[in-house]
Amino acid sequence: MPVGASPKREREFKQLEKEFKQEGRYPGREEEVAARIVNKQRAQAGETQKEPGRKRDGNRPGGKSADAAAARDLPIAGYQHLTVAQIRDKLDGLSAAQLHHLRDYEAAHKKRKGVLQALGA
């Protein structure tokens, strides 16, 4: 694991590596695959730093940082990590504009039928 990984991520890495070895998955590449999975999770959670001199898609419209910014502007905190049932429970009390904003976000990203139906799409 890279320097700076949290103890939680280190445990996840070791657990994945152990599971892959026990299951016989990715023979000879267990460590690499486990590290890739954990590093992807770290990046998605914003736990990594941008490498100097490396460009990311975030500078383009619709790139990764544009998606992250859109998710931060949603009226429900942590929306992108919630289940359909959890989202339905949080819809009461939102304004029509907020519901419309959520509907647009959902239609552009996960496209979950249950959420779109709950939002009236």
N, C-alpha and C. Protein backbone atom coordinates (compact mmCIF):
# COMPACT_ATOMS: atom_id res chain seq x y z
N MET A 1 0.83 -1.19 0.00
CA MET A 1 0.00 0.00 0.00
C MET A 1 0.87 1.24 0.00
N PRO A 2 0.39 2.31 -0.63
CA PRO A 2 1.16 3.55 -0.66
C PRO A 2 1.28 4.18 0.72
N VAL A 3 2.30 4.97 0.89
CA VAL A 3 2.50 5.69 2.14
C VAL A 3 1.31 6.63 2.33
N GLY A 4 0.81 6.69 3.53
CA GLY A 4 -0.31 7.58 3.81
C GLY A 4 -1.65 6.89 3.80
N ALA A 5 -1.70 5.61 3.47
CA ALA A 5 -2.97 4.88 3.50
C ALA A 5 -3.38 4.70 4.95
N SER A 6 -4.66 4.84 5.21
CA SER A 6 -5.15 4.71 6.58
C SER A 6 -5.10 3.25 7.02
N PRO A 7 -5.14 3.04 8.33
CA PRO A 7 -5.17 1.66 8.83
C PRO A 7 -6.37 0.87 8.29
N LYS A 8 -7.48 1.57 8.11
CA LYS A 8 -8.68 0.92 7.56
C LYS A 8 -8.40 0.40 6.15
N ARG A 9 -7.79 1.23 5.32
CA ARG A 9 -7.48 0.81 3.95
C ARG A 9 -6.44 -0.30 3.94
N GLU A 10 -5.51 -0.24 4.87
CA GLU A 10 -4.50 -1.29 4.97
C GLU A 10 -5.16 -2.63 5.31
N ARG A 11 -6.13 -2.60 6.23
CA ARG A 11 -6.86 -3.83 6.57
C ARG A 11 -7.65 -4.35 5.37
N GLU A 12 -8.30 -3.44 4.65
CA GLU A 12 -9.05 -3.85 3.46
C GLU A 12 -8.13 -4.52 2.45
N PHE A 13 -6.96 -3.93 2.25
CA PHE A 13 -5.99 -4.48 1.31
C PHE A 13 -5.59 -5.90 1.72
N LYS A 14 -5.23 -6.08 2.98
CA LYS A 14 -4.80 -7.40 3.46
C LYS A 14 -5.93 -8.43 3.36
N GLN A 15 -7.15 -7.99 3.67
CA GLN A 15 -8.30 -8.90 3.60
C GLN A 15 -8.55 -9.33 2.15
N LEU A 16 -8.52 -8.38 1.22
CA LEU A 16 -8.72 -8.72 -0.19
C LEU A 16 -7.64 -9.67 -0.69
N GLU A 17 -6.41 -9.37 -0.35
CA GLU A 17 -5.30 -10.21 -0.78
C GLU A 17 -5.48 -11.64 -0.24
N LYS A 18 -5.86 -11.75 1.01
CA LYS A 18 -6.07 -13.05 1.64
C LYS A 18 -7.21 -13.81 0.94
N GLU A 19 -8.31 -13.11 0.68
CA GLU A 19 -9.45 -13.74 0.00
C GLU A 19 -9.07 -14.23 -1.39
N PHE A 20 -8.34 -13.41 -2.12
CA PHE A 20 -7.94 -13.80 -3.48
C PHE A 20 -7.06 -15.05 -3.45
N LYS A 21 -6.16 -15.13 -2.48
CA LYS A 21 -5.28 -16.30 -2.38
C LYS A 21 -6.08 -17.54 -2.01
N GLN A 22 -7.01 -17.40 -1.08
CA GLN A 22 -7.82 -18.54 -0.66
C GLN A 22 -8.72 -19.04 -1.79
N GLU A 23 -9.26 -18.12 -2.57
CA GLU A 23 -10.18 -18.48 -3.65
C GLU A 23 -9.44 -18.88 -4.92
N GLY A 24 -8.15 -18.62 -4.97
CA GLY A 24 -7.38 -18.93 -6.17
C GLY A 24 -7.63 -17.95 -7.30
N ARG A 25 -8.11 -16.78 -6.97
CA ARG A 25 -8.36 -15.75 -7.98
C ARG A 25 -7.09 -14.95 -8.24
N TYR A 26 -6.90 -14.53 -9.45
CA TYR A 26 -5.76 -13.71 -9.85
C TYR A 26 -4.43 -14.34 -9.43
N PRO A 27 -4.17 -15.59 -9.79
CA PRO A 27 -2.95 -16.26 -9.33
C PRO A 27 -1.69 -15.47 -9.67
N GLY A 28 -0.88 -15.22 -8.65
CA GLY A 28 0.35 -14.48 -8.81
C GLY A 28 0.17 -12.97 -8.85
N ARG A 29 -1.09 -12.51 -8.92
CA ARG A 29 -1.35 -11.07 -9.00
C ARG A 29 -2.25 -10.59 -7.87
N GLU A 30 -2.40 -11.40 -6.83
CA GLU A 30 -3.33 -11.08 -5.75
C GLU A 30 -3.02 -9.73 -5.12
N GLU A 31 -1.74 -9.49 -4.85
CA GLU A 31 -1.34 -8.23 -4.21
C GLU A 31 -1.64 -7.04 -5.12
N GLU A 32 -1.31 -7.17 -6.39
CA GLU A 32 -1.54 -6.09 -7.34
C GLU A 32 -3.02 -5.74 -7.44
N VAL A 33 -3.86 -6.76 -7.61
CA VAL A 33 -5.30 -6.52 -7.78
C VAL A 33 -5.90 -5.92 -6.51
N ALA A 34 -5.50 -6.43 -5.36
CA ALA A 34 -6.01 -5.88 -4.10
C ALA A 34 -5.60 -4.41 -3.95
N ALA A 35 -4.36 -4.11 -4.29
CA ALA A 35 -3.88 -2.72 -4.20
C ALA A 35 -4.65 -1.81 -5.16
N ARG A 36 -4.90 -2.30 -6.36
CA ARG A 36 -5.66 -1.49 -7.32
C ARG A 36 -7.07 -1.19 -6.82
N ILE A 37 -7.72 -2.20 -6.25
CA ILE A 37 -9.07 -2.02 -5.74
C ILE A 37 -9.08 -0.99 -4.61
N VAL A 38 -8.17 -1.15 -3.66
CA VAL A 38 -8.14 -0.24 -2.51
C VAL A 38 -7.75 1.17 -2.97
N ASN A 39 -6.81 1.29 -3.88
CA ASN A 39 -6.42 2.62 -4.37
C ASN A 39 -7.56 3.29 -5.12
N LYS A 40 -8.36 2.52 -5.84
CA LYS A 40 -9.51 3.10 -6.53
C LYS A 40 -10.52 3.62 -5.51
N GLN A 41 -10.74 2.84 -4.44
CA GLN A 41 -11.64 3.29 -3.37
C GLN A 41 -11.12 4.56 -2.71
N ARG A 42 -9.82 4.61 -2.48
CA ARG A 42 -9.22 5.80 -1.87
C ARG A 42 -9.42 7.02 -2.76
N ALA A 43 -9.22 6.84 -4.05
CA ALA A 43 -9.38 7.96 -4.98
C ALA A 43 -10.83 8.43 -5.02
N GLN A 44 -11.76 7.50 -5.04
CA GLN A 44 -13.17 7.87 -5.08
C GLN A 44 -13.61 8.58 -3.81
N ALA A 45 -12.99 8.23 -2.70
CA ALA A 45 -13.33 8.86 -1.42
C ALA A 45 -12.55 10.15 -1.18
N GLY A 46 -11.68 10.52 -2.13
CA GLY A 46 -10.91 11.76 -2.00
C GLY A 46 -9.77 11.65 -1.01
N GLU A 47 -9.26 10.45 -0.81
CA GLU A 47 -8.18 10.23 0.16
C GLU A 47 -6.80 10.28 -0.48
N THR A 48 -6.72 10.55 -1.76
CA THR A 48 -5.43 10.60 -2.44
C THR A 48 -5.14 12.01 -2.89
N GLN A 49 -3.89 12.26 -3.18
CA GLN A 49 -3.48 13.56 -3.68
C GLN A 49 -3.14 13.45 -5.15
N LYS A 50 -3.37 14.52 -5.87
CA LYS A 50 -3.04 14.55 -7.29
C LYS A 50 -1.53 14.52 -7.46
N GLU A 51 -1.07 13.70 -8.39
CA GLU A 51 0.37 13.63 -8.66
C GLU A 51 0.82 14.89 -9.38
N PRO A 52 1.98 15.45 -9.02
CA PRO A 52 2.48 16.64 -9.70
C PRO A 52 2.74 16.33 -11.18
N GLY A 53 2.32 17.22 -12.02
CA GLY A 53 2.59 17.07 -13.45
C GLY A 53 1.64 16.13 -14.17
N ARG A 54 0.69 15.55 -13.46
CA ARG A 54 -0.24 14.62 -14.09
C ARG A 54 -1.58 15.29 -14.27
N LYS A 55 -2.11 15.25 -15.47
CA LYS A 55 -3.40 15.86 -15.75
C LYS A 55 -4.49 14.84 -15.53
N ARG A 56 -5.63 15.32 -15.07
CA ARG A 56 -6.79 14.46 -14.86
C ARG A 56 -7.94 14.99 -15.68
N ASP A 57 -8.96 14.17 -15.83
CA ASP A 57 -10.15 14.56 -16.58
C ASP A 57 -10.95 15.65 -15.87
N GLY A 58 -10.60 15.96 -14.64
CA GLY A 58 -11.35 16.92 -13.86
C GLY A 58 -11.34 18.32 -14.43
N ASN A 59 -10.41 18.63 -15.32
CA ASN A 59 -10.35 19.97 -15.89
C ASN A 59 -11.32 20.16 -17.05
N ARG A 60 -11.88 19.08 -17.54
CA ARG A 60 -12.83 19.19 -18.64
C ARG A 60 -14.25 19.23 -18.11
N PRO A 61 -15.15 19.89 -18.83
CA PRO A 61 -16.56 19.84 -18.41
C PRO A 61 -17.02 18.39 -18.42
N GLY A 62 -17.70 17.99 -17.37
CA GLY A 62 -18.17 16.62 -17.29
C GLY A 62 -17.11 15.66 -16.78
N GLY A 63 -15.93 16.17 -16.41
CA GLY A 63 -14.87 15.32 -15.90
C GLY A 63 -15.12 14.93 -14.46
N LYS A 64 -14.15 14.25 -13.86
CA LYS A 64 -14.34 13.72 -12.51
C LYS A 64 -14.58 14.81 -11.48
N SER A 65 -13.84 15.91 -11.52
CA SER A 65 -14.06 16.92 -10.50
C SER A 65 -15.37 17.66 -10.72
N ALA A 66 -15.84 17.73 -11.96
CA ALA A 66 -17.15 18.32 -12.22
C ALA A 66 -18.24 17.45 -11.62
N ASP A 67 -18.10 16.13 -11.72
CA ASP A 67 -19.06 15.22 -11.12
C ASP A 67 -19.03 15.34 -9.60
N ALA A 68 -17.85 15.45 -9.02
CA ALA A 68 -17.72 15.57 -7.58
C ALA A 68 -18.35 16.87 -7.10
N ALA A 69 -18.16 17.94 -7.84
CA ALA A 69 -18.75 19.23 -7.48
C ALA A 69 -20.27 19.15 -7.54
N ALA A 70 -20.79 18.47 -8.56
CA ALA A 70 -22.23 18.31 -8.70
C ALA A 70 -22.78 17.52 -7.52
N ALA A 71 -22.08 16.49 -7.09
CA ALA A 71 -22.53 15.67 -5.97
C ALA A 71 -22.51 16.47 -4.67
N ARG A 72 -21.54 17.36 -4.50
CA ARG A 72 -21.47 18.18 -3.29
C ARG A 72 -22.62 19.17 -3.21
N ASP A 73 -23.15 19.59 -4.35
CA ASP A 73 -24.21 20.59 -4.39
C ASP A 73 -25.60 19.99 -4.19
N LEU A 74 -25.71 18.69 -3.99
CA LEU A 74 -27.01 18.05 -3.84
C LEU A 74 -27.61 18.37 -2.47
N PRO A 75 -28.95 18.45 -2.40
CA PRO A 75 -29.60 18.80 -1.13
C PRO A 75 -29.58 17.68 -0.09
N ILE A 76 -29.16 16.48 -0.46
CA ILE A 76 -29.06 15.37 0.49
C ILE A 76 -27.59 15.01 0.63
N ALA A 77 -27.05 15.12 1.83
CA ALA A 77 -25.64 14.83 2.07
C ALA A 77 -25.35 13.35 1.82
N GLY A 78 -24.26 13.08 1.13
CA GLY A 78 -23.85 11.70 0.85
C GLY A 78 -24.76 10.98 -0.11
N TYR A 79 -25.52 11.72 -0.89
CA TYR A 79 -26.53 11.16 -1.79
C TYR A 79 -26.00 10.02 -2.65
N GLN A 80 -24.85 10.18 -3.25
CA GLN A 80 -24.33 9.20 -4.19
C GLN A 80 -24.02 7.86 -3.53
N HIS A 81 -23.96 7.81 -2.20
CA HIS A 81 -23.65 6.57 -1.49
C HIS A 81 -24.89 5.93 -0.85
N LEU A 82 -26.06 6.57 -1.00
CA LEU A 82 -27.27 6.07 -0.37
C LEU A 82 -27.99 5.04 -1.25
N THR A 83 -28.75 4.18 -0.60
CA THR A 83 -29.57 3.22 -1.34
C THR A 83 -30.87 3.89 -1.76
N VAL A 84 -31.62 3.22 -2.61
CA VAL A 84 -32.90 3.75 -3.09
C VAL A 84 -33.82 4.00 -1.90
N ALA A 85 -33.92 3.05 -0.99
CA ALA A 85 -34.80 3.21 0.18
C ALA A 85 -34.36 4.39 1.05
N GLN A 86 -33.08 4.56 1.25
CA GLN A 86 -32.59 5.67 2.07
C GLN A 86 -32.91 7.00 1.41
N ILE A 87 -32.81 7.05 0.10
CA ILE A 87 -33.12 8.30 -0.61
C ILE A 87 -34.60 8.61 -0.50
N ARG A 88 -35.46 7.61 -0.70
CA ARG A 88 -36.91 7.82 -0.58
C ARG A 88 -37.26 8.40 0.78
N ASP A 89 -36.63 7.90 1.83
CA ASP A 89 -36.90 8.38 3.19
C ASP A 89 -36.52 9.84 3.39
N LYS A 90 -35.60 10.34 2.60
CA LYS A 90 -35.10 11.70 2.78
C LYS A 90 -35.76 12.73 1.85
N LEU A 91 -36.69 12.30 1.01
CA LEU A 91 -37.28 13.21 0.03
C LEU A 91 -38.32 14.15 0.63
N ASP A 92 -38.98 13.72 1.71
CA ASP A 92 -40.00 14.58 2.33
C ASP A 92 -39.36 15.88 2.81
N GLY A 93 -40.03 16.97 2.55
CA GLY A 93 -39.54 18.26 3.01
C GLY A 93 -38.65 18.98 2.02
N LEU A 94 -38.30 18.34 0.90
CA LEU A 94 -37.49 19.02 -0.10
C LEU A 94 -38.39 19.85 -1.01
N SER A 95 -37.87 20.97 -1.46
CA SER A 95 -38.64 21.83 -2.36
C SER A 95 -38.70 21.21 -3.75
N ALA A 96 -39.59 21.75 -4.58
CA ALA A 96 -39.72 21.27 -5.96
C ALA A 96 -38.41 21.47 -6.72
N ALA A 97 -37.74 22.58 -6.45
CA ALA A 97 -36.46 22.84 -7.13
C ALA A 97 -35.40 21.83 -6.71
N GLN A 98 -35.37 21.49 -5.43
CA GLN A 98 -34.40 20.50 -4.96
C GLN A 98 -34.69 19.13 -5.54
N LEU A 99 -35.96 18.75 -5.61
CA LEU A 99 -36.34 17.47 -6.22
C LEU A 99 -35.94 17.44 -7.69
N HIS A 100 -36.15 18.55 -8.37
CA HIS A 100 -35.77 18.64 -9.79
C HIS A 100 -34.25 18.48 -9.95
N HIS A 101 -33.50 19.12 -9.05
CA HIS A 101 -32.04 19.03 -9.08
C HIS A 101 -31.59 17.58 -8.87
N LEU A 102 -32.19 16.90 -7.90
CA LEU A 102 -31.87 15.49 -7.65
C LEU A 102 -32.23 14.63 -8.86
N ARG A 103 -33.38 14.89 -9.46
CA ARG A 103 -33.82 14.12 -10.63
C ARG A 103 -32.83 14.27 -11.77
N ASP A 104 -32.39 15.49 -12.02
CA ASP A 104 -31.40 15.73 -13.09
C ASP A 104 -30.09 15.01 -12.80
N TYR A 105 -29.64 15.07 -11.53
CA TYR A 105 -28.40 14.41 -11.16
C TYR A 105 -28.52 12.90 -11.34
N GLU A 106 -29.61 12.33 -10.84
CA GLU A 106 -29.82 10.89 -10.93
C GLU A 106 -29.90 10.44 -12.39
N ALA A 107 -30.60 11.19 -13.22
CA ALA A 107 -30.74 10.84 -14.63
C ALA A 107 -29.39 10.90 -15.36
N ALA A 108 -28.52 11.78 -14.92
CA ALA A 108 -27.21 11.92 -15.57
C ALA A 108 -26.17 10.94 -15.04
N HIS A 109 -26.43 10.34 -13.87
CA HIS A 109 -25.41 9.50 -13.26
C HIS A 109 -25.85 8.05 -13.10
N LYS A 110 -26.50 7.71 -12.00
CA LYS A 110 -26.78 6.30 -11.71
C LYS A 110 -28.00 5.75 -12.44
N LYS A 111 -28.97 6.60 -12.73
CA LYS A 111 -30.16 6.20 -13.48
C LYS A 111 -30.93 5.06 -12.82
N ARG A 112 -31.06 5.11 -11.48
CA ARG A 112 -31.78 4.07 -10.75
C ARG A 112 -33.28 4.28 -10.92
N LYS A 113 -33.97 3.26 -11.42
CA LYS A 113 -35.41 3.38 -11.70
C LYS A 113 -36.20 3.75 -10.47
N GLY A 114 -35.91 3.10 -9.34
CA GLY A 114 -36.64 3.37 -8.11
C GLY A 114 -36.50 4.81 -7.65
N VAL A 115 -35.33 5.37 -7.79
CA VAL A 115 -35.10 6.76 -7.39
C VAL A 115 -35.81 7.70 -8.36
N LEU A 116 -35.67 7.43 -9.64
CA LEU A 116 -36.32 8.29 -10.63
C LEU A 116 -37.83 8.27 -10.47
N GLN A 117 -38.41 7.11 -10.16
CA GLN A 117 -39.86 7.04 -9.92
C GLN A 117 -40.24 7.85 -8.68
N ALA A 118 -39.45 7.73 -7.62
CA ALA A 118 -39.73 8.47 -6.39
C ALA A 118 -39.63 9.97 -6.61
N LEU A 119 -38.77 10.37 -7.54
CA LEU A 119 -38.58 11.79 -7.84
C LEU A 119 -39.58 12.29 -8.87
N GLY A 120 -40.42 11.40 -9.37
CA GLY A 120 -41.45 11.80 -10.32
C GLY A 120 -40.98 11.94 -11.74
N ALA A 121 -39.95 11.24 -12.10
CA ALA A 121 -39.45 11.32 -13.48
C ALA A 121 -40.20 10.37 -14.39
